[in-house]
Amino acid sequence: MTTQVPWVRSVGWQGLLPALGAQGSQGRSNIASMRPTVAILGAGAMGEILATGLLRAGWQTDDLVLAVRRPERVKEAEMRTGITTLLDTAAAAAGRDVVVISVKPKDIPTLLEQVADVITTDQIVVSLAAGVPIAVFAEQLEGVPIVRAMPNTPAAVDEGVTAYVGGENVDEQALATAAAILGAVGETIALSEDLMDAVTAVSGTGPAYVFLLAEAMTEAAIREGLPHHAAELLVHQTVRGAGTLLVESGKSAFRLRGEVTSPGGTTAAAMHVLDEGGFRALMEDAIHSAAQRSRDLGARARGDLPA
């Protein structure tokens, strides 16, 4: 069983506080009157992005703690974020309102062994691990509210999008708390767990598709004679502007493409080449491959496939 809430346009944790209420376990009843304290286990790219996003959204460094595996990462993470960083994952997780797990899927079993004895049912666990189902966490953390989420890297500039779903022990208050934290770095959308592998392939992996397109456009622009700096400016602003137009115009991608594609014009010539080259099929295959990889990661985490 999974828990969902309606689609939320996140405006930071304060915007969701009214939804947190005073229901649920006593250990979470104070969240409506204060920022939830957060431990982020795994301060890699996404863990650090979330941590700095929470700081921008109003959390204080004392509200947060990071945990890393390598000693050399302690000072590095503390210098970059100003947040206390520990090597002991159990110490980091103990007593925090929310524990965010941001490690590679293959490291989940080891991490759960390290923290299982200190995480209680009064806490909320939010997993950012691609492909790993809620059931893997629930097996080790009995009775603990588990939220599975998939963010993406534009969260670094507060333009991310995160899909999330709550497990059977997640009540409305706990889900709203998780959504407030995830919403500190962009938009959030609640979906069912059977869609999370597709989410991973579309939005989780999606920035790489856009970056590859920008790379290819820039290289082609240079071959057409544009200087490198001009090619980058034109491509980057085109990607940015097109994305903003798509989001803010209320028009579909199909309609916007049609508006710029005049019969017999330059855009029509370009679209013909892309269609003939199988652009759509390649994109479909790429997304399917990413989704299948996410499913495989989940199967390995469950022990259904060899590591």
Protein backbone atom coordinates (compact mmCIF):
# COMPACT_ATOMS: atom_id res chain seq x y z
CA MET A 1 0.00 0.00 0.00
CA THR A 2 1.26 3.47 -0.84
CA THR A 3 0.11 6.93 0.17
CA GLN A 4 -0.36 9.84 -2.19
CA VAL A 5 -1.30 13.49 -1.85
CA PRO A 6 -2.47 15.81 -4.62
CA TRP A 7 0.08 17.47 -6.88
CA VAL A 8 1.91 20.23 -5.01
CA ARG A 9 3.70 23.28 -6.40
CA SER A 10 6.36 23.56 -3.76
CA VAL A 11 7.09 26.99 -2.32
CA GLY A 12 9.48 25.89 0.41
CA TRP A 13 8.73 24.14 3.65
CA GLN A 14 6.77 27.08 5.07
CA GLY A 15 4.14 26.76 2.36
CA LEU A 16 3.34 23.23 3.43
CA LEU A 17 3.30 23.72 7.20
CA PRO A 18 -0.48 24.17 7.37
CA ALA A 19 -0.83 20.70 5.86
CA LEU A 20 1.36 19.13 8.52
CA GLY A 21 -1.13 19.66 11.29
CA ALA A 22 -0.77 18.05 14.70
CA GLN A 23 -1.91 14.55 13.83
CA GLY A 24 0.23 11.45 13.71
CA SER A 25 2.71 10.17 16.26
CA GLN A 26 3.79 12.34 19.14
CA GLY A 27 7.36 12.32 17.85
CA ARG A 28 6.28 14.23 14.73
CA SER A 29 3.70 16.49 16.35
CA ASN A 30 6.15 19.37 16.76
CA ILE A 31 6.99 19.61 13.06
CA ALA A 32 4.21 22.12 12.42
CA SER A 33 5.83 24.63 14.79
CA MET A 34 9.46 24.25 13.72
CA ARG A 35 11.69 23.19 10.88
CA PRO A 36 12.14 19.42 10.88
CA THR A 37 15.72 18.46 11.61
CA VAL A 38 17.26 16.50 8.76
CA ALA A 39 20.09 13.99 8.46
CA ILE A 40 21.37 13.37 4.94
CA LEU A 41 23.20 10.07 4.74
CA GLY A 42 25.43 10.27 1.69
CA ALA A 43 26.74 13.70 0.73
CA GLY A 44 27.42 12.98 -2.90
CA ALA A 45 26.10 15.20 -5.66
CA MET A 46 22.39 14.90 -4.87
CA GLY A 47 22.83 14.82 -1.10
CA GLU A 48 24.85 18.02 -1.16
CA ILE A 49 22.42 19.65 -3.59
CA LEU A 50 19.53 18.95 -1.21
CA ALA A 51 21.50 20.15 1.81
CA THR A 52 22.42 23.50 0.23
CA GLY A 53 18.87 23.85 -1.08
CA LEU A 54 17.50 23.45 2.44
CA LEU A 55 19.86 26.18 3.61
CA ARG A 56 18.59 28.49 0.88
CA ALA A 57 15.02 27.67 1.90
CA GLY A 58 15.56 28.77 5.49
CA TRP A 59 16.96 25.79 7.34
CA GLN A 60 19.91 26.59 9.60
CA THR A 61 23.15 24.60 9.66
CA ASP A 62 22.22 23.34 13.14
CA ASP A 63 19.04 21.81 11.71
CA LEU A 64 21.07 19.59 9.40
CA VAL A 65 23.76 16.95 9.58
CA LEU A 66 25.57 15.05 6.83
CA ALA A 67 27.14 11.62 6.86
CA VAL A 68 29.89 10.48 4.50
CA ARG A 69 31.95 7.31 4.11
CA ARG A 70 35.44 8.65 3.41
CA PRO A 71 37.42 10.68 5.98
CA GLU A 72 38.69 13.12 3.34
CA ARG A 73 35.09 14.03 2.50
CA VAL A 74 34.35 15.29 6.02
CA LYS A 75 36.30 18.54 5.81
CA GLU A 76 35.40 18.97 2.15
CA ALA A 77 31.65 18.72 2.82
CA GLU A 78 31.85 20.96 5.88
CA MET A 79 33.79 23.62 3.96
CA ARG A 80 31.34 23.57 1.06
CA THR A 81 28.14 23.58 3.12
CA GLY A 82 28.96 24.71 6.65
CA ILE A 83 27.02 21.68 7.92
CA THR A 84 28.41 19.27 10.52
CA THR A 85 29.55 16.16 8.70
CA LEU A 86 30.11 12.78 10.36
CA LEU A 87 31.59 9.44 9.38
CA ASP A 88 29.19 7.62 11.71
CA THR A 89 25.87 7.21 9.87
CA ALA A 90 24.08 5.94 12.97
CA ALA A 91 25.13 9.00 14.97
CA ALA A 92 23.98 11.26 12.16
CA ALA A 93 20.57 9.58 11.90
CA ALA A 94 19.81 9.32 15.61
CA GLY A 95 17.14 11.72 16.83
CA ARG A 96 16.59 13.58 13.57
CA ASP A 97 13.01 14.20 12.45
CA VAL A 98 13.79 13.15 8.90
CA VAL A 99 16.55 10.87 7.62
CA VAL A 100 17.32 11.27 3.92
CA ILE A 101 19.15 8.34 2.35
CA SER A 102 21.20 9.50 -0.62
CA VAL A 103 23.62 6.66 -1.37
CA LYS A 104 24.05 4.39 -4.37
CA PRO A 105 21.55 1.54 -4.61
CA LYS A 106 24.26 -1.06 -4.08
CA ASP A 107 25.17 0.55 -0.74
CA ILE A 108 21.63 0.44 0.68
CA PRO A 109 21.92 -2.97 2.47
CA THR A 110 25.08 -1.93 4.31
CA LEU A 111 23.66 1.44 5.28
CA LEU A 112 20.46 -0.10 6.62
CA GLU A 113 22.49 -2.44 8.80
CA GLN A 114 24.30 0.58 10.22
CA VAL A 115 21.20 2.62 11.10
CA ALA A 116 18.48 0.03 11.79
CA ASP A 117 19.03 0.10 15.55
CA VAL A 118 18.81 3.90 15.90
CA ILE A 119 15.96 4.85 13.58
CA THR A 120 12.59 4.85 15.32
CA THR A 121 8.97 4.98 14.21
CA ASP A 122 8.86 8.65 15.26
CA GLN A 123 11.20 9.51 12.39
CA ILE A 124 10.60 9.70 8.65
CA VAL A 125 12.99 8.06 6.18
CA VAL A 126 13.20 9.53 2.68
CA SER A 127 15.09 7.46 0.11
CA LEU A 128 16.61 9.02 -3.01
CA ALA A 129 18.14 5.72 -4.15
CA ALA A 130 17.23 4.96 -7.77
CA GLY A 131 15.22 1.82 -8.27
CA VAL A 132 15.15 0.65 -4.66
CA PRO A 133 11.55 -0.09 -3.59
CA ILE A 134 9.99 0.88 -0.29
CA ALA A 135 9.75 -2.80 0.68
CA VAL A 136 13.54 -3.07 0.98
CA PHE A 137 13.58 -0.34 3.62
CA ALA A 138 10.42 -1.54 5.35
CA GLU A 139 11.94 -4.98 5.87
CA GLN A 140 14.80 -3.51 7.89
CA LEU A 141 12.97 -0.56 9.46
CA GLU A 142 9.77 -2.10 10.77
CA GLY A 143 6.99 0.41 11.37
CA VAL A 144 9.05 3.38 10.21
CA PRO A 145 7.41 5.78 7.71
CA ILE A 146 9.28 5.39 4.41
CA VAL A 147 9.04 7.82 1.49
CA ARG A 148 10.62 6.92 -1.84
CA ALA A 149 11.61 9.90 -3.98
CA MET A 150 13.40 10.68 -7.24
CA PRO A 151 14.78 14.23 -7.62
CA ASN A 152 16.99 15.59 -10.38
CA THR A 153 20.06 17.81 -10.61
CA PRO A 154 18.35 21.11 -11.57
CA ALA A 155 17.53 21.11 -7.86
CA ALA A 156 20.96 22.76 -7.57
CA VAL A 157 19.34 25.98 -8.85
CA ASP A 158 15.94 25.36 -7.21
CA GLU A 159 14.48 24.20 -10.54
CA GLY A 160 14.32 20.49 -9.81
CA VAL A 161 11.33 18.20 -9.93
CA THR A 162 10.88 15.36 -7.49
CA ALA A 163 8.34 12.55 -7.65
CA TYR A 164 7.61 10.80 -4.38
CA VAL A 165 5.42 8.12 -2.81
CA GLY A 166 4.82 7.07 0.78
CA GLY A 167 4.75 3.54 2.18
CA GLU A 168 2.04 2.03 4.31
CA ASN A 169 3.26 3.64 7.55
CA VAL A 170 3.24 7.14 6.08
CA ASP A 171 0.33 9.30 7.21
CA GLU A 172 -0.69 12.61 5.67
CA GLN A 173 1.45 14.62 8.06
CA ALA A 174 4.57 12.58 7.37
CA LEU A 175 4.04 12.79 3.63
CA ALA A 176 3.58 16.56 3.80
CA THR A 177 6.77 16.86 5.83
CA ALA A 178 8.70 14.88 3.22
CA ALA A 179 7.15 16.96 0.43
CA ALA A 180 8.18 20.18 2.19
CA ILE A 181 11.80 19.04 2.35
CA LEU A 182 11.85 17.83 -1.24
CA GLY A 183 10.02 20.97 -2.35
CA ALA A 184 12.80 23.18 -1.02
CA VAL A 185 14.62 22.65 -4.33
CA GLY A 186 11.80 22.74 -6.89
CA GLU A 187 8.49 21.16 -7.79
CA THR A 188 7.07 17.97 -6.35
CA ILE A 189 4.54 15.47 -7.61
CA ALA A 190 3.03 12.50 -5.76
CA LEU A 191 2.76 9.30 -7.82
CA SER A 192 2.26 5.60 -7.20
CA GLU A 193 5.34 3.45 -6.68
CA ASP A 194 4.84 1.44 -9.86
CA LEU A 195 5.62 4.63 -11.82
CA MET A 196 8.88 5.47 -10.07
CA ASP A 197 11.12 3.59 -12.52
CA ALA A 198 9.59 5.59 -15.36
CA VAL A 199 10.15 8.78 -13.35
CA THR A 200 13.80 7.84 -12.92
CA ALA A 201 14.13 7.41 -16.69
CA VAL A 202 12.29 10.63 -17.60
CA SER A 203 13.08 13.33 -15.05
CA GLY A 204 15.80 11.70 -12.99
CA THR A 205 17.90 10.98 -16.08
CA GLY A 206 16.32 13.70 -18.20
CA PRO A 207 18.82 16.49 -17.56
CA ALA A 208 21.50 14.37 -19.24
CA TYR A 209 19.36 14.16 -22.39
CA VAL A 210 19.10 17.94 -22.48
CA PHE A 211 22.82 18.39 -21.83
CA LEU A 212 23.66 15.96 -24.63
CA LEU A 213 21.37 17.91 -26.97
CA ALA A 214 23.12 21.13 -25.96
CA GLU A 215 26.52 19.52 -26.56
CA ALA A 216 25.52 18.34 -30.00
CA MET A 217 24.00 21.71 -30.94
CA THR A 218 27.10 23.55 -29.77
CA GLU A 219 29.42 21.28 -31.75
CA ALA A 220 27.26 21.66 -34.86
CA ALA A 221 27.20 25.44 -34.41
CA ILE A 222 30.99 25.56 -34.29
CA ARG A 223 31.20 23.44 -37.44
CA GLU A 224 28.92 25.98 -39.11
CA GLY A 225 31.49 28.67 -38.33
CA LEU A 226 30.31 30.19 -35.07
CA PRO A 227 33.01 30.94 -32.48
CA HIS A 228 32.85 28.76 -29.39
CA HIS A 229 31.66 31.49 -27.02
CA ALA A 230 28.89 32.54 -29.38
CA ALA A 231 27.80 28.95 -29.98
CA GLU A 232 27.52 28.30 -26.24
CA LEU A 233 25.59 31.51 -25.59
CA LEU A 234 23.13 30.85 -28.40
CA VAL A 235 22.58 27.21 -27.45
CA HIS A 236 22.36 27.70 -23.69
CA GLN A 237 19.91 30.57 -23.91
CA THR A 238 17.86 28.72 -26.53
CA VAL A 239 17.54 25.71 -24.20
CA ARG A 240 16.70 27.96 -21.28
CA GLY A 241 14.22 30.07 -23.21
CA ALA A 242 12.49 27.11 -24.84
CA GLY A 243 12.10 25.41 -21.46
CA THR A 244 10.68 28.55 -19.87
CA LEU A 245 8.29 29.03 -22.78
CA LEU A 246 7.12 25.43 -22.52
CA VAL A 247 6.45 25.75 -18.80
CA GLU A 248 4.90 29.22 -18.77
CA SER A 249 2.95 29.36 -22.04
CA GLY A 250 0.45 26.66 -21.15
CA LYS A 251 0.91 25.23 -24.62
CA SER A 252 1.96 21.68 -25.41
CA ALA A 253 5.38 20.88 -26.83
CA PHE A 254 3.62 19.69 -30.00
CA ARG A 255 1.86 23.03 -30.44
CA LEU A 256 4.93 25.13 -29.74
CA ARG A 257 6.97 23.10 -32.22
CA GLY A 258 4.25 23.60 -34.82
CA GLU A 259 4.25 27.37 -34.26
CA VAL A 260 7.94 27.61 -35.14
CA THR A 261 7.86 25.13 -38.03
CA SER A 262 6.79 26.93 -41.19
CA PRO A 263 6.21 24.75 -44.28
CA GLY A 264 9.30 24.78 -46.45
CA GLY A 265 11.31 26.72 -43.88
CA THR A 266 14.55 26.07 -42.04
CA THR A 267 12.92 24.45 -39.03
CA ALA A 268 10.94 22.09 -41.27
CA ALA A 269 14.18 21.05 -42.96
CA ALA A 270 15.78 20.33 -39.61
CA MET A 271 12.74 18.40 -38.32
CA HIS A 272 12.77 16.26 -41.46
CA VAL A 273 16.38 15.23 -40.80
CA LEU A 274 15.64 14.40 -37.16
CA ASP A 275 12.56 12.36 -38.10
CA GLU A 276 14.42 10.49 -40.84
CA GLY A 277 17.26 9.78 -38.44
CA GLY A 278 14.94 8.16 -35.92
CA PHE A 279 15.15 10.83 -33.23
CA ARG A 280 11.87 9.83 -31.57
CA ALA A 281 12.71 6.12 -31.61
CA LEU A 282 16.13 6.79 -30.12
CA MET A 283 14.60 8.85 -27.31
CA GLU A 284 12.03 6.15 -26.61
CA ASP A 285 14.74 3.49 -26.54
CA ALA A 286 16.91 5.60 -24.24
CA ILE A 287 14.10 6.16 -21.75
CA HIS A 288 13.11 2.50 -21.84
CA SER A 289 16.71 1.48 -21.21
CA ALA A 290 17.00 3.82 -18.23
CA ALA A 291 13.70 2.56 -16.79
CA GLN A 292 14.81 -1.05 -17.18
CA ARG A 293 18.07 -0.25 -15.45
CA SER A 294 16.09 1.22 -12.56
CA ARG A 295 14.00 -1.96 -12.37
CA ASP A 296 17.18 -4.04 -12.34
CA LEU A 297 18.62 -1.97 -9.51
CA GLY A 298 15.46 -2.60 -7.54
CA ALA A 299 15.59 -6.31 -8.25
CA ARG A 300 19.19 -6.48 -7.03
CA ALA A 301 18.29 -4.56 -3.89
CA ARG A 302 15.54 -7.10 -3.21
CA GLY A 303 17.93 -9.96 -3.88
CA ASP A 304 16.04 -11.12 -6.98
CA LEU A 305 19.13 -10.59 -9.17
CA PRO A 306 22.81 -11.18 -8.34
CA ALA A 307 24.71 -8.07 -7.28
